[in-house]
Amino acid sequence: AEPIFAFTAVTLSADGLHPADAATIGASDRVLGVSLTAGSTGDPVRVLTEGEVTNTGWAFTEGDLLYVGLNGVITPAQVGDFCQMVGWAVAPSKIFVRVGRAILRS
């Protein structure tokens, strides 16, 4: 549906993949997983729905719970209109993906 960067949280809709965005209520409980590859509009993108993924660009603290952020960013901070866990940090550059249920924020 739109360009996707690698190692971002993504949602799936009828028209394709979108970066998950905690500021968009419509994205709550629609997070599919984490993109493993990047792609332009219409290109196939590999998505991990559960399991470990490593990205040398991450610098998390081991044990951090990780959430959907803004524009697909995976973050230890709970931001936006809903809170939805993506997984947890196994090491600074490695996470275990297991998407949780969304909780709307008031």
PDB file of N, CA and C in Angstrom:
ATOM      1  N   ALA A   1       0.818  -1.193   0.000  1.00  0.00           N
ATOM      2  CA  ALA A   1       0.000   0.000   0.000  1.00  0.00           C
ATOM      3  C   ALA A   1       0.862   1.258   0.000  1.00  0.00           C
ATOM      4  N   GLU A   2       2.045   1.162   0.625  1.00  0.00           N
ATOM      5  CA  GLU A   2       2.960   2.301   0.657  1.00  0.00           C
ATOM      6  C   GLU A   2       4.358   1.779   0.944  1.00  0.00           C
ATOM      7  N   PRO A   3       5.389   2.607   0.747  1.00  0.00           N
ATOM      8  CA  PRO A   3       6.749   2.132   1.028  1.00  0.00           C
ATOM      9  C   PRO A   3       6.896   1.689   2.488  1.00  0.00           C
ATOM     10  N   ILE A   4       7.652   0.611   2.676  1.00  0.00           N
ATOM     11  CA  ILE A   4       7.902   0.045   4.004  1.00  0.00           C
ATOM     12  C   ILE A   4       9.408  -0.035   4.209  1.00  0.00           C
ATOM     13  N   PHE A   5       9.866   0.453   5.361  1.00  0.00           N
ATOM     14  CA  PHE A   5      11.270   0.311   5.723  1.00  0.00           C
ATOM     15  C   PHE A   5      11.465  -1.013   6.456  1.00  0.00           C
ATOM     16  N   ALA A   6      12.655  -1.573   6.360  1.00  0.00           N
ATOM     17  CA  ALA A   6      12.974  -2.799   7.090  1.00  0.00           C
ATOM     18  C   ALA A   6      13.000  -2.510   8.591  1.00  0.00           C
ATOM     19  N   PHE A   7      12.644  -3.512   9.368  1.00  0.00           N
ATOM     20  CA  PHE A   7      12.701  -3.481  10.833  1.00  0.00           C
ATOM     21  C   PHE A   7      11.726  -2.479  11.446  1.00  0.00           C
ATOM     22  N   THR A   8      10.545  -2.383  10.853  1.00  0.00           N
ATOM     23  CA  THR A   8       9.482  -1.537  11.402  1.00  0.00           C
ATOM     24  C   THR A   8       8.255  -2.387  11.681  1.00  0.00           C
ATOM     25  N   ALA A   9       7.432  -1.928  12.604  1.00  0.00           N
ATOM     26  CA  ALA A   9       6.158  -2.585  12.880  1.00  0.00           C
ATOM     27  C   ALA A   9       5.202  -2.252  11.737  1.00  0.00           C
ATOM     28  N   VAL A  10       4.451  -3.257  11.282  1.00  0.00           N
ATOM     29  CA  VAL A  10       3.552  -3.050  10.145  1.00  0.00           C
ATOM     30  C   VAL A  10       2.153  -3.577  10.443  1.00  0.00           C
ATOM     31  N   THR A  11       1.173  -2.959   9.771  1.00  0.00           N
ATOM     32  CA  THR A  11      -0.208  -3.426   9.814  1.00  0.00           C
ATOM     33  C   THR A  11      -0.575  -3.910   8.417  1.00  0.00           C
ATOM     34  N   LEU A  12      -1.600  -4.732   8.349  1.00  0.00           N
ATOM     35  CA  LEU A  12      -2.094  -5.246   7.083  1.00  0.00           C
ATOM     36  C   LEU A  12      -3.535  -4.828   6.916  1.00  0.00           C
ATOM     37  N   SER A  13      -3.846  -4.258   5.757  1.00  0.00           N
ATOM     38  CA  SER A  13      -5.226  -3.908   5.442  1.00  0.00           C
ATOM     39  C   SER A  13      -5.545  -4.454   4.057  1.00  0.00           C
ATOM     40  N   ALA A  14      -6.738  -4.212   3.580  1.00  0.00           N
ATOM     41  CA  ALA A  14      -7.171  -4.740   2.288  1.00  0.00           C
ATOM     42  C   ALA A  14      -6.270  -4.280   1.145  1.00  0.00           C
ATOM     43  N   ASP A  15      -5.661  -3.103   1.263  1.00  0.00           N
ATOM     44  CA  ASP A  15      -4.814  -2.597   0.177  1.00  0.00           C
ATOM     45  C   ASP A  15      -3.330  -2.878   0.389  1.00  0.00           C
ATOM     46  N   GLY A  16      -2.955  -3.596   1.449  1.00  0.00           N
ATOM     47  CA  GLY A  16      -1.563  -3.983   1.642  1.00  0.00           C
ATOM     48  C   GLY A  16      -0.998  -3.582   2.987  1.00  0.00           C
ATOM     49  N   LEU A  17       0.335  -3.526   3.048  1.00  0.00           N
ATOM     50  CA  LEU A  17       1.038  -3.204   4.300  1.00  0.00           C
ATOM     51  C   LEU A  17       1.169  -1.700   4.497  1.00  0.00           C
ATOM     52  N   HIS A  18       1.144  -1.300   5.771  1.00  0.00           N
ATOM     53  CA  HIS A  18       1.364   0.085   6.170  1.00  0.00           C
ATOM     54  C   HIS A  18       2.265   0.083   7.406  1.00  0.00           C
ATOM     55  N   PRO A  19       3.067   1.132   7.601  1.00  0.00           N
ATOM     56  CA  PRO A  19       3.773   1.238   8.880  1.00  0.00           C
ATOM     57  C   PRO A  19       2.749   1.363  10.006  1.00  0.00           C
ATOM     58  N   ALA A  20       2.923   0.615  11.069  1.00  0.00           N
ATOM     59  CA  ALA A  20       2.020   0.721  12.219  1.00  0.00           C
ATOM     60  C   ALA A  20       2.266   2.073  12.886  1.00  0.00           C
ATOM     61  N   ASP A  21       1.217   2.706  13.341  1.00  0.00           N
ATOM     62  CA  ASP A  21       1.352   4.035  13.928  1.00  0.00           C
ATOM     63  C   ASP A  21       0.454   4.143  15.145  1.00  0.00           C
ATOM     64  N   ALA A  22       1.073   4.296  16.314  1.00  0.00           N
ATOM     65  CA  ALA A  22       0.311   4.367  17.569  1.00  0.00           C
ATOM     66  C   ALA A  22      -0.542   5.621  17.668  1.00  0.00           C
ATOM     67  N   ALA A  23      -0.394   6.550  16.738  1.00  0.00           N
ATOM     68  CA  ALA A  23      -1.228   7.751  16.724  1.00  0.00           C
ATOM     69  C   ALA A  23      -2.463   7.562  15.844  1.00  0.00           C
ATOM     70  N   THR A  24      -2.621   6.368  15.285  1.00  0.00           N
ATOM     71  CA  THR A  24      -3.757   6.074  14.416  1.00  0.00           C
ATOM     72  C   THR A  24      -4.595   4.977  15.058  1.00  0.00           C
ATOM     73  N   ILE A  25      -5.724   5.357  15.654  1.00  0.00           N
ATOM     74  CA  ILE A  25      -6.584   4.386  16.354  1.00  0.00           C
ATOM     75  C   ILE A  25      -6.933   3.210  15.454  1.00  0.00           C
ATOM     76  N   GLY A  26      -7.123   3.458  14.167  1.00  0.00           N
ATOM     77  CA  GLY A  26      -7.480   2.383  13.239  1.00  0.00           C
ATOM     78  C   GLY A  26      -6.413   1.311  13.105  1.00  0.00           C
ATOM     79  N   ALA A  27      -5.193   1.590  13.553  1.00  0.00           N
ATOM     80  CA  ALA A  27      -4.107   0.603  13.483  1.00  0.00           C
ATOM     81  C   ALA A  27      -4.091  -0.316  14.698  1.00  0.00           C
ATOM     82  N   SER A  28      -4.838   0.038  15.741  1.00  0.00           N
ATOM     83  CA  SER A  28      -4.808  -0.777  16.962  1.00  0.00           C
ATOM     84  C   SER A  28      -5.355  -2.171  16.675  1.00  0.00           C
ATOM     85  N   ASP A  29      -4.712  -3.150  17.236  1.00  0.00           N
ATOM     86  CA  ASP A  29      -5.042  -4.570  17.054  1.00  0.00           C
ATOM     87  C   ASP A  29      -4.952  -5.037  15.606  1.00  0.00           C
ATOM     88  N   ARG A  30      -4.263  -4.281  14.752  1.00  0.00           N
ATOM     89  CA  ARG A  30      -4.058  -4.700  13.367  1.00  0.00           C
ATOM     90  C   ARG A  30      -2.573  -4.884  13.064  1.00  0.00           C
ATOM     91  N   VAL A  31      -1.741  -4.815  14.094  1.00  0.00           N
ATOM     92  CA  VAL A  31      -0.298  -4.974  13.883  1.00  0.00           C
ATOM     93  C   VAL A  31      -0.025  -6.435  13.542  1.00  0.00           C
ATOM     94  N   LEU A  32       0.635  -6.648  12.418  1.00  0.00           N
ATOM     95  CA  LEU A  32       0.925  -7.993  11.925  1.00  0.00           C
ATOM     96  C   LEU A  32       2.250  -8.510  12.471  1.00  0.00           C
ATOM     97  N   GLY A  33       3.263  -7.645  12.501  1.00  0.00           N
ATOM     98  CA  GLY A  33       4.587  -8.063  12.947  1.00  0.00           C
ATOM     99  C   GLY A  33       5.614  -7.015  12.577  1.00  0.00           C
ATOM    100  N   VAL A  34       6.849  -7.470  12.311  1.00  0.00           N
ATOM    101  CA  VAL A  34       7.969  -6.592  12.006  1.00  0.00           C
ATOM    102  C   VAL A  34       8.482  -6.923  10.605  1.00  0.00           C
ATOM    103  N   SER A  35       8.636  -5.896   9.781  1.00  0.00           N
ATOM    104  CA  SER A  35       9.147  -6.109   8.421  1.00  0.00           C
ATOM    105  C   SER A  35      10.629  -6.496   8.489  1.00  0.00           C
ATOM    106  N   LEU A  36      10.987  -7.501   7.731  1.00  0.00           N
ATOM    107  CA  LEU A  36      12.387  -7.934   7.667  1.00  0.00           C
ATOM    108  C   LEU A  36      13.095  -7.339   6.465  1.00  0.00           C
ATOM    109  N   THR A  37      12.320  -6.923   5.474  1.00  0.00           N
ATOM    110  CA  THR A  37      12.866  -6.318   4.263  1.00  0.00           C
ATOM    111  C   THR A  37      12.119  -5.020   3.987  1.00  0.00           C
ATOM    112  N   ALA A  38      12.716  -4.186   3.192  1.00  0.00           N
ATOM    113  CA  ALA A  38      12.075  -2.940   2.772  1.00  0.00           C
ATOM    114  C   ALA A  38      11.428  -3.170   1.410  1.00  0.00           C
ATOM    115  N   GLY A  39      10.488  -2.310   1.071  1.00  0.00           N
ATOM    116  CA  GLY A  39       9.870  -2.413  -0.240  1.00  0.00           C
ATOM    117  C   GLY A  39       9.148  -1.141  -0.622  1.00  0.00           C
ATOM    118  N   SER A  40       9.145  -0.859  -1.917  1.00  0.00           N
ATOM    119  CA  SER A  40       8.371   0.256  -2.445  1.00  0.00           C
ATOM    120  C   SER A  40       6.915  -0.169  -2.560  1.00  0.00           C
ATOM    121  N   THR A  41       6.048   0.759  -2.859  1.00  0.00           N
ATOM    122  CA  THR A  41       4.629   0.462  -3.036  1.00  0.00           C
ATOM    123  C   THR A  41       4.468  -0.671  -4.044  1.00  0.00           C
ATOM    124  N   GLY A  42       3.772  -1.721  -3.632  1.00  0.00           N
ATOM    125  CA  GLY A  42       3.513  -2.861  -4.511  1.00  0.00           C
ATOM    126  C   GLY A  42       4.558  -3.960  -4.460  1.00  0.00           C
ATOM    127  N   ASP A  43       5.716  -3.699  -3.865  1.00  0.00           N
ATOM    128  CA  ASP A  43       6.758  -4.721  -3.768  1.00  0.00           C
ATOM    129  C   ASP A  43       6.440  -5.702  -2.642  1.00  0.00           C
ATOM    130  N   PRO A  44       6.857  -6.959  -2.781  1.00  0.00           N
ATOM    131  CA  PRO A  44       6.690  -7.891  -1.651  1.00  0.00           C
ATOM    132  C   PRO A  44       7.641  -7.526  -0.513  1.00  0.00           C
ATOM    133  N   VAL A  45       7.178  -7.721   0.709  1.00  0.00           N
ATOM    134  CA  VAL A  45       7.965  -7.435   1.910  1.00  0.00           C
ATOM    135  C   VAL A  45       7.841  -8.642   2.839  1.00  0.00           C
ATOM    136  N   ARG A  46       8.960  -9.131   3.354  1.00  0.00           N
ATOM    137  CA  ARG A  46       8.926 -10.227   4.323  1.00  0.00           C
ATOM    138  C   ARG A  46       8.599  -9.659   5.695  1.00  0.00           C
ATOM    139  N   VAL A  47       7.680 -10.336   6.401  1.00  0.00           N
ATOM    140  CA  VAL A  47       7.244  -9.887   7.726  1.00  0.00           C
ATOM    141  C   VAL A  47       7.371 -11.047   8.706  1.00  0.00           C
ATOM    142  N   LEU A  48       7.997 -10.789   9.853  1.00  0.00           N
ATOM    143  CA  LEU A  48       8.106 -11.771  10.928  1.00  0.00           C
ATOM    144  C   LEU A  48       6.944 -11.545  11.892  1.00  0.00           C
ATOM    145  N   THR A  49       6.137 -12.580  12.100  1.00  0.00           N
ATOM    146  CA  THR A  49       5.001 -12.458  13.014  1.00  0.00           C
ATOM    147  C   THR A  49       5.339 -12.948  14.417  1.00  0.00           C
ATOM    148  N   GLU A  50       6.347 -13.809  14.528  1.00  0.00           N
ATOM    149  CA  GLU A  50       6.821 -14.254  15.842  1.00  0.00           C
ATOM    150  C   GLU A  50       8.199 -14.865  15.688  1.00  0.00           C
ATOM    151  N   GLY A  51       9.093 -14.524  16.629  1.00  0.00           N
ATOM    152  CA  GLY A  51      10.440 -15.066  16.622  1.00  0.00           C
ATOM    153  C   GLY A  51      11.474 -13.964  16.779  1.00  0.00           C
ATOM    154  N   GLU A  52      12.755 -14.351  16.681  1.00  0.00           N
ATOM    155  CA  GLU A  52      13.848 -13.404  16.893  1.00  0.00           C
ATOM    156  C   GLU A  52      14.269 -12.726  15.600  1.00  0.00           C
ATOM    157  N   VAL A  53      14.639 -11.461  15.735  1.00  0.00           N
ATOM    158  CA  VAL A  53      15.180 -10.699  14.607  1.00  0.00           C
ATOM    159  C   VAL A  53      16.280  -9.783  15.138  1.00  0.00           C
ATOM    160  N   THR A  54      17.344  -9.658  14.351  1.00  0.00           N
ATOM    161  CA  THR A  54      18.482  -8.820  14.719  1.00  0.00           C
ATOM    162  C   THR A  54      18.596  -7.657  13.748  1.00  0.00           C
ATOM    163  N   ASN A  55      18.854  -6.479  14.307  1.00  0.00           N
ATOM    164  CA  ASN A  55      19.089  -5.268  13.519  1.00  0.00           C
ATOM    165  C   ASN A  55      20.197  -4.495  14.228  1.00  0.00           C
ATOM    166  N   THR A  56      21.347  -4.366  13.580  1.00  0.00           N
ATOM    167  CA  THR A  56      22.483  -3.693  14.217  1.00  0.00           C
ATOM    168  C   THR A  56      22.210  -2.206  14.481  1.00  0.00           C
ATOM    169  N   GLY A  57      21.151  -1.663  13.915  1.00  0.00           N
ATOM    170  CA  GLY A  57      20.786  -0.273  14.162  1.00  0.00           C
ATOM    171  C   GLY A  57      20.018  -0.058  15.451  1.00  0.00           C
ATOM    172  N   TRP A  58      19.556  -1.127  16.075  1.00  0.00           N
ATOM    173  CA  TRP A  58      18.835  -0.997  17.343  1.00  0.00           C
ATOM    174  C   TRP A  58      19.824  -0.897  18.499  1.00  0.00           C
ATOM    175  N   ALA A  59      19.390  -0.251  19.578  1.00  0.00           N
ATOM    176  CA  ALA A  59      20.218  -0.151  20.782  1.00  0.00           C
ATOM    177  C   ALA A  59      19.318  -0.211  22.009  1.00  0.00           C
ATOM    178  N   PHE A  60      18.553  -1.291  22.105  1.00  0.00           N
ATOM    179  CA  PHE A  60      17.635  -1.470  23.229  1.00  0.00           C
ATOM    180  C   PHE A  60      18.391  -1.990  24.446  1.00  0.00           C
ATOM    181  N   THR A  61      17.756  -1.913  25.588  1.00  0.00           N
ATOM    182  CA  THR A  61      18.281  -2.507  26.804  1.00  0.00           C
ATOM    183  C   THR A  61      17.666  -3.891  26.946  1.00  0.00           C
ATOM    184  N   GLU A  62      18.503  -4.888  27.168  1.00  0.00           N
ATOM    185  CA  GLU A  62      18.016  -6.258  27.315  1.00  0.00           C
ATOM    186  C   GLU A  62      16.877  -6.306  28.327  1.00  0.00           C
ATOM    187  N   GLY A  63      15.793  -6.950  27.956  1.00  0.00           N
ATOM    188  CA  GLY A  63      14.632  -7.079  28.826  1.00  0.00           C
ATOM    189  C   GLY A  63      13.567  -6.018  28.612  1.00  0.00           C
ATOM    190  N   ASP A  64      13.896  -4.945  27.862  1.00  0.00           N
ATOM    191  CA  ASP A  64      12.888  -3.912  27.575  1.00  0.00           C
ATOM    192  C   ASP A  64      11.681  -4.516  26.873  1.00  0.00           C
ATOM    193  N   LEU A  65      10.483  -4.115  27.303  1.00  0.00           N
ATOM    194  CA  LEU A  65       9.281  -4.403  26.535  1.00  0.00           C
ATOM    195  C   LEU A  65       9.225  -3.370  25.417  1.00  0.00           C
ATOM    196  N   LEU A  66       8.841  -3.797  24.227  1.00  0.00           N
ATOM    197  CA  LEU A  66       8.864  -2.916  23.062  1.00  0.00           C
ATOM    198  C   LEU A  66       7.460  -2.749  22.498  1.00  0.00           C
ATOM    199  N   TYR A  67       7.168  -1.535  22.066  1.00  0.00           N
ATOM    200  CA  TYR A  67       5.818  -1.169  21.652  1.00  0.00           C
ATOM    201  C   TYR A  67       5.810  -0.549  20.265  1.00  0.00           C
ATOM    202  N   VAL A  68       4.606  -0.504  19.682  1.00  0.00           N
ATOM    203  CA  VAL A  68       4.385   0.233  18.446  1.00  0.00           C
ATOM    204  C   VAL A  68       4.578   1.712  18.759  1.00  0.00           C
ATOM    205  N   GLY A  69       5.393   2.367  17.975  1.00  0.00           N
ATOM    206  CA  GLY A  69       5.596   3.806  18.124  1.00  0.00           C
ATOM    207  C   GLY A  69       4.904   4.553  17.001  1.00  0.00           C
ATOM    208  N   LEU A  70       5.515   5.614  16.550  1.00  0.00           N
ATOM    209  CA  LEU A  70       4.967   6.415  15.462  1.00  0.00           C
ATOM    210  C   LEU A  70       5.644   6.025  14.156  1.00  0.00           C
ATOM    211  N   ASN A  71       4.864   5.937  13.089  1.00  0.00           N
ATOM    212  CA  ASN A  71       5.381   5.632  11.741  1.00  0.00           C
ATOM    213  C   ASN A  71       6.197   4.353  11.660  1.00  0.00           C
ATOM    214  N   GLY A  72       5.783   3.320  12.396  1.00  0.00           N
ATOM    215  CA  GLY A  72       6.444   2.026  12.320  1.00  0.00           C
ATOM    216  C   GLY A  72       7.607   1.820  13.260  1.00  0.00           C
ATOM    217  N   VAL A  73       8.014   2.864  13.951  1.00  0.00           N
ATOM    218  CA  VAL A  73       9.155   2.749  14.863  1.00  0.00           C
ATOM    219  C   VAL A  73       8.799   1.825  16.029  1.00  0.00           C
ATOM    220  N   ILE A  74       9.729   0.975  16.393  1.00  0.00           N
ATOM    221  CA  ILE A  74       9.584   0.095  17.553  1.00  0.00           C
ATOM    222  C   ILE A  74      10.315   0.779  18.702  1.00  0.00           C
ATOM    223  N   THR A  75       9.651   0.923  19.839  1.00  0.00           N
ATOM    224  CA  THR A  75      10.187   1.754  20.917  1.00  0.00           C
ATOM    225  C   THR A  75       9.853   1.174  22.291  1.00  0.00           C
ATOM    226  N   PRO A  76      10.705   1.415  23.285  1.00  0.00           N
ATOM    227  CA  PRO A  76      10.355   1.005  24.649  1.00  0.00           C
ATOM    228  C   PRO A  76       9.371   1.975  25.311  1.00  0.00           C
ATOM    229  N   ALA A  77       9.091   3.099  24.655  1.00  0.00           N
ATOM    230  CA  ALA A  77       8.163   4.101  25.208  1.00  0.00           C
ATOM    231  C   ALA A  77       6.740   3.838  24.713  1.00  0.00           C
ATOM    232  N   GLN A  78       5.770   4.044  25.582  1.00  0.00           N
ATOM    233  CA  GLN A  78       4.367   3.937  25.194  1.00  0.00           C
ATOM    234  C   GLN A  78       3.913   5.314  24.750  1.00  0.00           C
ATOM    235  N   VAL A  79       3.682   5.465  23.456  1.00  0.00           N
ATOM    236  CA  VAL A  79       3.305   6.754  22.876  1.00  0.00           C
ATOM    237  C   VAL A  79       2.026   6.597  22.059  1.00  0.00           C
ATOM    238  N   GLY A  80       1.380   7.695  21.759  1.00  0.00           N
ATOM    239  CA  GLY A  80       0.256   7.670  20.852  1.00  0.00           C
ATOM    240  C   GLY A  80      -1.074   7.412  21.519  1.00  0.00           C
ATOM    241  N   ASP A  81      -2.058   7.034  20.698  1.00  0.00           N
ATOM    242  CA  ASP A  81      -3.434   6.852  21.140  1.00  0.00           C
ATOM    243  C   ASP A  81      -3.737   5.438  21.630  1.00  0.00           C
ATOM    244  N   PHE A  82      -2.835   4.509  21.332  1.00  0.00           N
ATOM    245  CA  PHE A  82      -2.995   3.148  21.844  1.00  0.00           C
ATOM    246  C   PHE A  82      -1.629   2.579  22.176  1.00  0.00           C
ATOM    247  N   CYS A  83      -1.631   1.573  23.023  1.00  0.00           N
ATOM    248  CA  CYS A  83      -0.412   0.897  23.436  1.00  0.00           C
ATOM    249  C   CYS A  83      -0.520  -0.556  22.977  1.00  0.00           C
ATOM    250  N   GLN A  84       0.456  -1.015  22.199  1.00  0.00           N
ATOM    251  CA  GLN A  84       0.452  -2.400  21.742  1.00  0.00           C
ATOM    252  C   GLN A  84       1.874  -2.926  21.727  1.00  0.00           C
ATOM    253  N   MET A  85       2.104  -3.981  22.501  1.00  0.00           N
ATOM    254  CA  MET A  85       3.431  -4.570  22.582  1.00  0.00           C
ATOM    255  C   MET A  85       3.762  -5.298  21.288  1.00  0.00           C
ATOM    256  N   VAL A  86       5.006  -5.128  20.839  1.00  0.00           N
ATOM    257  CA  VAL A  86       5.517  -5.818  19.655  1.00  0.00           C
ATOM    258  C   VAL A  86       6.371  -7.009  20.079  1.00  0.00           C
ATOM    259  N   GLY A  87       7.011  -6.904  21.247  1.00  0.00           N
ATOM    260  CA  GLY A  87       7.882  -7.968  21.734  1.00  0.00           C
ATOM    261  C   GLY A  87       8.775  -7.438  22.838  1.00  0.00           C
ATOM    262  N   TRP A  88       9.979  -8.016  22.949  1.00  0.00           N
ATOM    263  CA  TRP A  88      10.916  -7.572  23.980  1.00  0.00           C
ATOM    264  C   TRP A  88      12.342  -7.715  23.463  1.00  0.00           C
ATOM    265  N   ALA A  89      13.248  -6.952  24.095  1.00  0.00           N
ATOM    266  CA  ALA A  89      14.651  -6.959  23.691  1.00  0.00           C
ATOM    267  C   ALA A  89      15.365  -8.153  24.320  1.00  0.00           C
ATOM    268  N   VAL A  90      15.980  -8.958  23.487  1.00  0.00           N
ATOM    269  CA  VAL A  90      16.778 -10.098  23.937  1.00  0.00           C
ATOM    270  C   VAL A  90      18.221  -9.633  24.163  1.00  0.00           C
ATOM    271  N   ALA A  91      18.643  -8.665  23.375  1.00  0.00           N
ATOM    272  CA  ALA A  91      19.969  -8.042  23.430  1.00  0.00           C
ATOM    273  C   ALA A  91      19.809  -6.656  22.819  1.00  0.00           C
ATOM    274  N   PRO A  92      20.832  -5.808  22.886  1.00  0.00           N
ATOM    275  CA  PRO A  92      20.674  -4.465  22.330  1.00  0.00           C
ATOM    276  C   PRO A  92      20.218  -4.436  20.868  1.00  0.00           C
ATOM    277  N   SER A  93      20.671  -5.368  20.058  1.00  0.00           N
ATOM    278  CA  SER A  93      20.317  -5.363  18.641  1.00  0.00           C
ATOM    279  C   SER A  93      19.424  -6.548  18.239  1.00  0.00           C
ATOM    280  N   LYS A  94      18.849  -7.249  19.212  1.00  0.00           N
ATOM    281  CA  LYS A  94      18.009  -8.412  18.906  1.00  0.00           C
ATOM    282  C   LYS A  94      16.726  -8.346  19.716  1.00  0.00           C
ATOM    283  N   ILE A  95      15.588  -8.573  19.031  1.00  0.00           N
ATOM    284  CA  ILE A  95      14.310  -8.612  19.733  1.00  0.00           C
ATOM    285  C   ILE A  95      13.595  -9.922  19.452  1.00  0.00           C
ATOM    286  N   PHE A  96      12.710 -10.286  20.365  1.00  0.00           N
ATOM    287  CA  PHE A  96      11.797 -11.394  20.136  1.00  0.00           C
ATOM    288  C   PHE A  96      10.451 -10.769  19.835  1.00  0.00           C
ATOM    289  N   VAL A  97       9.919 -11.060  18.658  1.00  0.00           N
ATOM    290  CA  VAL A  97       8.642 -10.497  18.233  1.00  0.00           C
ATOM    291  C   VAL A  97       7.507 -11.405  18.699  1.00  0.00           C
ATOM    292  N   ARG A  98       6.583 -10.825  19.417  1.00  0.00           N
ATOM    293  CA  ARG A  98       5.321 -11.477  19.778  1.00  0.00           C
ATOM    294  C   ARG A  98       4.328 -10.345  20.027  1.00  0.00           C
ATOM    295  N   VAL A  99       3.497 -10.103  19.050  1.00  0.00           N
ATOM    296  CA  VAL A  99       2.562  -8.978  19.109  1.00  0.00           C
ATOM    297  C   VAL A  99       1.461  -9.253  20.113  1.00  0.00           C
ATOM    298  N   GLY A 100       1.222  -8.253  20.953  1.00  0.00           N
ATOM    299  CA  GLY A 100       0.164  -8.355  21.973  1.00  0.00           C
ATOM    300  C   GLY A 100      -1.100  -7.636  21.532  1.00  0.00           C
ATOM    301  N   ARG A 101      -2.057  -7.570  22.418  1.00  0.00           N
ATOM    302  CA  ARG A 101      -3.320  -6.879  22.161  1.00  0.00           C
ATOM    303  C   ARG A 101      -3.154  -5.393  22.419  1.00  0.00           C
ATOM    304  N   ALA A 102      -3.896  -4.602  21.695  1.00  0.00           N
ATOM    305  CA  ALA A 102      -3.832  -3.145  21.851  1.00  0.00           C
ATOM    306  C   ALA A 102      -4.696  -2.697  23.030  1.00  0.00           C
ATOM    307  N   ILE A 103      -4.222  -1.662  23.705  1.00  0.00           N
ATOM    308  CA  ILE A 103      -4.982  -1.020  24.775  1.00  0.00           C
ATOM    309  C   ILE A 103      -5.110   0.445  24.403  1.00  0.00           C
ATOM    310  N   LEU A 104      -6.349   0.913  24.287  1.00  0.00           N
ATOM    311  CA  LEU A 104      -6.572   2.314  23.935  1.00  0.00           C
ATOM    312  C   LEU A 104      -6.229   3.193  25.125  1.00  0.00           C
ATOM    313  N   ARG A 105      -5.592   4.315  24.830  1.00  0.00           N
ATOM    314  CA  ARG A 105      -5.217   5.265  25.877  1.00  0.00           C
ATOM    315  C   ARG A 105      -6.254   6.375  25.927  1.00  0.00           C
ATOM    316  N   SER A 106      -6.509   6.900  27.105  1.00  0.00           N
ATOM    317  CA  SER A 106      -7.494   7.986  27.197  1.00  0.00           C
ATOM    318  C   SER A 106      -6.813   9.324  27.270  1.00  0.00           C
TER     319      SER A 106
END
